[in-house]
Amino acid sequence: MREPLLSVIKDLISRAGEAPLPVIALTDEEIAALDGDLAARGPVPLPWLDTKDTAARELACQVALRGLAARRLVIPLGAAGGEADGEVGRGAGGGEVGREYIALQDDLRAVLAMRRSAHAAAFALRESDGRMRLLYLGSSGALEEAISPGGLHGFTVVGYADAADRLAAFADPEDAAAAAVKPGRDTEPRVLPLAEIARGAEIPAMAGARSVTMVTRLVFGADAGEQRLTVYAKEAGVVVACPAEASGAPALRFTEVSKSGLRECLADLLSIQEPAARPGNES
């Protein structure tokens, strides 16, 4: 990654200071216009744009790029303009739309760079209302992307401690987790083989669940892999389901957790060591 781009990222993270820093809000079509070819946009959900046909998507991205230019978030430089930092606007289909080089406002450049250079990411989907969270994890901070069902993306720069707190609040939207879990038969962890779940066995955590949030951690590069957990928020209490084994067979372990326990589970999910090098992102 080039030094000027590293500088704007460091500036954005330093401005976050001791509290999360809301940076910018973008729509599906604005993100697609900035990211280029929709077929190669990566794992970012575009819930509104994905409901449109190809022609409608391309038109939406053309209009979005004009809107970004009107807000001075992007500045068209023309086809002969320089590649200042390699940022190219190519539109929805990577064809004729917006083939010219563009200059990006610094905060927008930093946001896009943090998304593209992350060594890992965490994706959370809250099934009750279709809202999503993406956390792009870097060496010195994280970028949170809050995605609404209508295709609005709010970007906030956060520290790792704040990232876990905010993810816990997202997974437990009604603050149902207890301050402490009382020991007892009803709160003992239960392990259920996946084979039994497939055969229709009752999932205890589902009873009375008001919100179900699936959280997946993705690691990129040579150490690519993923890890998952599911958070069941009830009217009173929160249960976390994690992968386990039962007599050597794949299973899920269901554990009731307190407020601090939920945060610890999510903080552990986010605690990833940055790889020594990632192709194409050397500093």
Protein backbone atom coordinates (compact mmCIF):
# COMPACT_ATOMS: atom_id res chain seq x y z
CA MET A 1 0.00 0.00 0.00
CA ARG A 2 1.38 3.41 -0.96
CA GLU A 3 2.56 5.84 1.70
CA PRO A 4 0.01 8.62 0.96
CA LEU A 5 -2.81 6.11 1.38
CA LEU A 6 -1.33 4.79 4.62
CA SER A 7 -1.17 8.36 5.84
CA VAL A 8 -4.89 9.07 5.30
CA ILE A 9 -5.80 5.77 7.02
CA LYS A 10 -3.61 6.60 10.03
CA ASP A 11 -5.13 10.08 10.18
CA LEU A 12 -8.66 8.64 10.20
CA ILE A 13 -7.83 6.11 12.93
CA SER A 14 -6.11 8.75 15.07
CA ARG A 15 -9.16 11.02 14.78
CA ALA A 16 -11.30 8.19 16.14
CA GLY A 17 -9.40 8.70 19.41
CA GLU A 18 -11.14 7.19 22.40
CA ALA A 19 -14.59 6.94 20.83
CA PRO A 20 -16.02 5.48 17.60
CA LEU A 21 -15.87 7.95 14.69
CA PRO A 22 -18.79 7.98 12.22
CA VAL A 23 -17.21 8.80 8.85
CA ILE A 24 -19.62 8.57 5.94
CA ALA A 25 -22.84 7.00 4.71
CA LEU A 26 -23.11 5.55 1.21
CA THR A 27 -25.82 3.78 -0.75
CA ASP A 28 -25.58 0.39 -2.49
CA GLU A 29 -25.20 2.02 -5.87
CA GLU A 30 -22.53 4.47 -4.68
CA ILE A 31 -20.46 1.59 -3.31
CA ALA A 32 -20.89 -0.42 -6.50
CA ALA A 33 -19.89 2.59 -8.63
CA LEU A 34 -16.73 3.09 -6.56
CA ASP A 35 -15.84 -0.59 -6.34
CA GLY A 36 -16.15 -1.28 -10.06
CA ASP A 37 -17.43 -4.51 -11.59
CA LEU A 38 -20.36 -5.84 -9.55
CA ALA A 39 -19.33 -9.41 -10.38
CA ALA A 40 -16.05 -8.87 -8.56
CA ARG A 41 -17.22 -6.70 -5.67
CA GLY A 42 -16.39 -9.31 -3.03
CA PRO A 43 -18.55 -10.27 -0.05
CA VAL A 44 -20.22 -6.90 0.57
CA PRO A 45 -24.04 -7.26 0.58
CA LEU A 46 -25.96 -4.79 -1.58
CA PRO A 47 -29.54 -5.59 -0.51
CA TRP A 48 -31.32 -2.89 -2.51
CA LEU A 49 -29.21 -3.07 -5.66
CA ASP A 50 -29.36 -6.87 -5.79
CA THR A 51 -33.13 -6.67 -6.41
CA LYS A 52 -32.58 -4.78 -9.70
CA ASP A 53 -31.86 -6.17 -13.15
CA THR A 54 -28.55 -5.49 -14.91
CA ALA A 55 -29.76 -2.44 -16.83
CA ALA A 56 -31.29 -0.86 -13.73
CA ARG A 57 -28.11 -1.52 -11.72
CA GLU A 58 -25.91 0.12 -14.34
CA LEU A 59 -28.18 3.16 -14.55
CA ALA A 60 -28.29 3.45 -10.75
CA CYS A 61 -24.49 3.37 -10.59
CA GLN A 62 -24.16 6.04 -13.27
CA VAL A 63 -26.50 8.34 -11.34
CA ALA A 64 -24.70 7.51 -8.07
CA LEU A 65 -21.31 8.48 -9.49
CA ARG A 66 -22.74 11.82 -10.63
CA GLY A 67 -24.15 12.36 -7.14
CA LEU A 68 -20.77 11.63 -5.56
CA ALA A 69 -19.16 14.15 -7.91
CA ALA A 70 -21.79 16.76 -7.04
CA ARG A 71 -20.99 16.27 -3.33
CA ARG A 72 -17.28 16.62 -4.15
CA LEU A 73 -16.57 13.18 -2.73
CA VAL A 74 -15.10 12.19 -6.08
CA ILE A 75 -13.49 14.48 -8.63
CA PRO A 76 -13.37 13.27 -12.26
CA LEU A 77 -9.92 13.83 -13.72
CA GLY A 78 -10.64 12.69 -17.26
CA ALA A 79 -9.33 9.70 -19.18
CA ALA A 80 -5.85 11.22 -19.36
CA GLY A 81 -5.75 12.04 -15.65
CA GLY A 82 -3.12 10.46 -13.46
CA GLU A 83 -3.58 7.36 -11.31
CA ALA A 84 -2.68 9.31 -8.18
CA ASP A 85 -3.25 6.36 -5.88
CA GLY A 86 -4.64 3.79 -8.24
CA GLU A 87 -8.31 4.60 -7.54
CA VAL A 88 -10.42 4.02 -10.62
CA GLY A 89 -14.18 4.41 -10.98
CA ARG A 90 -15.43 1.81 -13.44
CA GLY A 91 -19.17 1.70 -12.86
CA ALA A 92 -21.48 -1.24 -12.40
CA GLY A 93 -20.40 -3.34 -15.34
CA GLY A 94 -16.78 -2.33 -15.64
CA GLY A 95 -17.58 -1.13 -19.17
CA GLU A 96 -18.27 2.31 -20.58
CA VAL A 97 -19.68 3.69 -17.32
CA GLY A 98 -17.27 6.09 -15.62
CA ARG A 99 -14.10 4.78 -17.25
CA GLU A 100 -12.25 7.97 -16.33
CA TYR A 101 -9.85 8.19 -13.45
CA ILE A 102 -11.18 9.92 -10.37
CA ALA A 103 -9.68 11.54 -7.28
CA LEU A 104 -11.33 10.67 -3.97
CA GLN A 105 -11.91 12.82 -0.90
CA ASP A 106 -9.45 11.71 1.82
CA ASP A 107 -11.95 10.17 4.26
CA LEU A 108 -13.61 8.23 1.44
CA ARG A 109 -10.22 7.04 0.20
CA ALA A 110 -9.34 5.88 3.70
CA VAL A 111 -12.65 4.01 4.12
CA LEU A 112 -12.27 2.20 0.80
CA ALA A 113 -8.64 1.39 1.56
CA MET A 114 -9.50 -0.04 5.00
CA ARG A 115 -12.12 -2.27 3.39
CA ARG A 116 -9.74 -3.54 0.73
CA SER A 117 -6.66 -4.00 2.92
CA ALA A 118 -8.30 -5.77 5.89
CA HIS A 119 -6.61 -9.04 6.84
CA ALA A 120 -9.89 -10.39 8.23
CA ALA A 121 -13.54 -9.46 8.54
CA ALA A 122 -16.54 -10.35 10.67
CA PHE A 123 -20.04 -10.46 9.20
CA ALA A 124 -23.17 -10.39 11.37
CA LEU A 125 -26.73 -10.88 10.11
CA ARG A 126 -29.64 -10.21 12.44
CA GLU A 127 -32.42 -12.35 11.01
CA SER A 128 -35.27 -10.63 12.85
CA ASP A 129 -34.97 -7.40 10.85
CA GLY A 130 -32.46 -8.18 8.08
CA ARG A 131 -29.88 -5.68 9.33
CA MET A 132 -26.20 -6.48 8.91
CA ARG A 133 -22.82 -5.47 10.30
CA LEU A 134 -19.46 -5.91 8.63
CA LEU A 135 -16.25 -5.35 10.56
CA TYR A 136 -13.06 -4.98 8.54
CA LEU A 137 -10.15 -5.80 10.83
CA GLY A 138 -6.79 -4.09 10.40
CA SER A 139 -3.60 -3.95 12.40
CA SER A 140 -4.48 -0.79 14.34
CA GLY A 141 -8.25 -0.53 14.21
CA ALA A 142 -11.43 -1.70 12.59
CA LEU A 143 -13.95 -0.28 10.15
CA GLU A 144 -17.59 -1.00 10.95
CA GLU A 145 -20.10 -1.04 8.10
CA ALA A 146 -23.75 -0.95 9.22
CA ILE A 147 -26.04 -2.11 6.41
CA SER A 148 -29.80 -1.53 6.37
CA PRO A 149 -32.28 -3.67 4.39
CA GLY A 150 -32.82 -0.62 2.18
CA GLY A 151 -29.17 -0.55 1.10
CA LEU A 152 -27.73 2.25 3.23
CA HIS A 153 -24.18 1.69 4.50
CA GLY A 154 -22.90 3.66 7.48
CA PHE A 155 -19.14 3.54 8.06
CA THR A 156 -17.60 4.06 11.51
CA VAL A 157 -13.96 3.70 12.55
CA VAL A 158 -13.66 1.84 15.87
CA GLY A 159 -11.02 0.35 18.14
CA TYR A 160 -11.12 -3.39 18.84
CA ALA A 161 -12.62 -2.90 22.32
CA ASP A 162 -15.41 -0.73 20.93
CA ALA A 163 -15.91 -3.17 18.04
CA ALA A 164 -16.74 -6.02 20.42
CA ASP A 165 -19.07 -3.81 22.50
CA ARG A 166 -20.94 -2.57 19.44
CA LEU A 167 -21.24 -6.06 17.98
CA ALA A 168 -22.65 -7.32 21.30
CA ALA A 169 -25.23 -4.51 21.30
CA PHE A 170 -26.17 -5.40 17.73
CA ALA A 171 -26.62 -9.10 18.57
CA ASP A 172 -28.62 -8.28 21.73
CA PRO A 173 -30.72 -5.31 20.57
CA GLU A 174 -33.14 -5.41 23.51
CA ASP A 175 -30.39 -5.73 26.14
CA ALA A 176 -31.74 -9.11 27.28
CA ALA A 177 -28.47 -10.56 28.62
CA ALA A 178 -28.34 -10.80 32.39
CA ALA A 179 -25.67 -9.08 34.44
CA ALA A 180 -24.73 -12.55 35.73
CA VAL A 181 -25.87 -16.09 34.92
CA LYS A 182 -27.07 -18.05 37.94
CA PRO A 183 -25.66 -21.62 38.06
CA GLY A 184 -28.30 -24.29 37.69
CA ARG A 185 -29.68 -27.04 35.54
CA ASP A 186 -31.44 -24.61 33.22
CA THR A 187 -28.24 -22.66 32.53
CA GLU A 188 -25.84 -25.57 32.04
CA PRO A 189 -24.30 -25.75 28.54
CA ARG A 190 -25.96 -28.27 26.26
CA VAL A 191 -24.23 -30.01 23.34
CA LEU A 192 -26.44 -31.11 20.45
CA PRO A 193 -25.07 -33.16 17.51
CA LEU A 194 -25.74 -31.64 14.10
CA ALA A 195 -27.20 -34.97 12.98
CA GLU A 196 -29.91 -34.66 15.63
CA ILE A 197 -30.61 -31.07 14.62
CA ALA A 198 -30.97 -32.23 11.00
CA ARG A 199 -33.47 -34.86 12.13
CA GLY A 200 -35.59 -32.15 13.73
CA ALA A 201 -34.38 -32.18 17.32
CA GLU A 202 -35.61 -29.20 19.31
CA ILE A 203 -33.05 -26.42 19.64
CA PRO A 204 -33.46 -25.14 23.20
CA ALA A 205 -32.18 -21.66 22.39
CA MET A 206 -34.88 -21.14 19.76
CA ALA A 207 -37.71 -21.25 22.30
CA GLY A 208 -38.74 -17.67 22.96
CA ALA A 209 -35.94 -16.19 20.85
CA ARG A 210 -36.77 -12.61 19.86
CA SER A 211 -33.62 -12.06 17.85
CA VAL A 212 -31.20 -14.46 16.13
CA THR A 213 -27.86 -13.13 14.90
CA MET A 214 -25.36 -15.21 12.94
CA VAL A 215 -21.76 -14.00 13.20
CA THR A 216 -19.01 -15.26 10.87
CA ARG A 217 -15.33 -14.39 11.02
CA LEU A 218 -13.44 -14.60 7.73
CA VAL A 219 -9.64 -14.61 7.50
CA PHE A 220 -8.02 -13.76 4.17
CA GLY A 221 -4.72 -14.72 2.57
CA ALA A 222 -2.60 -17.81 3.24
CA ASP A 223 -4.36 -18.46 6.56
CA ALA A 224 -7.83 -18.21 5.01
CA GLY A 225 -10.62 -19.75 7.04
CA GLU A 226 -13.78 -18.96 8.93
CA GLN A 227 -15.34 -19.33 12.36
CA ARG A 228 -19.00 -18.98 13.28
CA LEU A 229 -21.29 -18.50 16.23
CA THR A 230 -24.97 -17.71 16.63
CA VAL A 231 -26.50 -15.44 19.26
CA TYR A 232 -30.07 -16.11 20.42
CA ALA A 233 -31.50 -13.14 22.34
CA LYS A 234 -34.64 -13.99 24.30
CA GLU A 235 -37.01 -11.84 26.29
CA ALA A 236 -34.78 -12.50 29.29
CA GLY A 237 -31.39 -14.01 28.61
CA VAL A 238 -28.97 -14.65 25.76
CA VAL A 239 -27.67 -18.00 24.49
CA VAL A 240 -24.59 -18.42 22.27
CA ALA A 241 -24.19 -21.45 19.99
CA CYS A 242 -20.64 -22.42 19.00
CA PRO A 243 -19.23 -25.38 17.05
CA ALA A 244 -18.35 -28.37 19.22
CA GLU A 245 -18.06 -32.16 19.10
CA ALA A 246 -20.23 -34.93 20.54
CA SER A 247 -18.60 -38.37 20.53
CA GLY A 248 -16.37 -37.23 17.70
CA ALA A 249 -19.28 -35.96 15.59
CA PRO A 250 -19.92 -32.29 14.67
CA ALA A 251 -22.20 -30.58 17.15
CA LEU A 252 -23.23 -27.23 18.58
CA ARG A 253 -22.73 -26.14 22.18
CA PHE A 254 -25.49 -23.88 23.53
CA THR A 255 -24.42 -21.72 26.48
CA GLU A 256 -26.33 -18.99 28.29
CA VAL A 257 -24.09 -15.97 28.72
CA SER A 258 -24.12 -12.75 30.71
CA LYS A 259 -23.55 -9.29 29.24
CA SER A 260 -19.82 -9.58 29.83
CA GLY A 261 -19.84 -13.18 28.60
CA LEU A 262 -21.44 -12.17 25.29
CA ARG A 263 -18.87 -9.44 24.82
CA GLU A 264 -16.03 -11.86 25.61
CA CYS A 265 -17.33 -14.39 23.06
CA LEU A 266 -17.41 -11.73 20.36
CA ALA A 267 -14.09 -10.19 21.39
CA ASP A 268 -12.51 -13.64 21.11
CA LEU A 269 -14.01 -14.02 17.64
CA LEU A 270 -12.41 -10.73 16.59
CA SER A 271 -8.97 -11.39 18.11
CA ILE A 272 -6.95 -12.22 15.01
CA GLN A 273 -3.23 -11.72 14.53
CA GLU A 274 -2.39 -9.87 11.34
CA PRO A 275 -0.47 -12.00 8.78
CA ALA A 276 3.16 -11.02 8.24
CA ALA A 277 2.40 -10.07 4.63
CA ARG A 278 -0.59 -10.06 2.33
CA PRO A 279 0.05 -10.10 -1.43
CA GLY A 280 -0.71 -6.74 -2.99
CA ASN A 281 -0.91 -4.88 0.33
CA GLU A 282 2.69 -4.55 1.40
CA SER A 283 3.45 -1.28 3.07
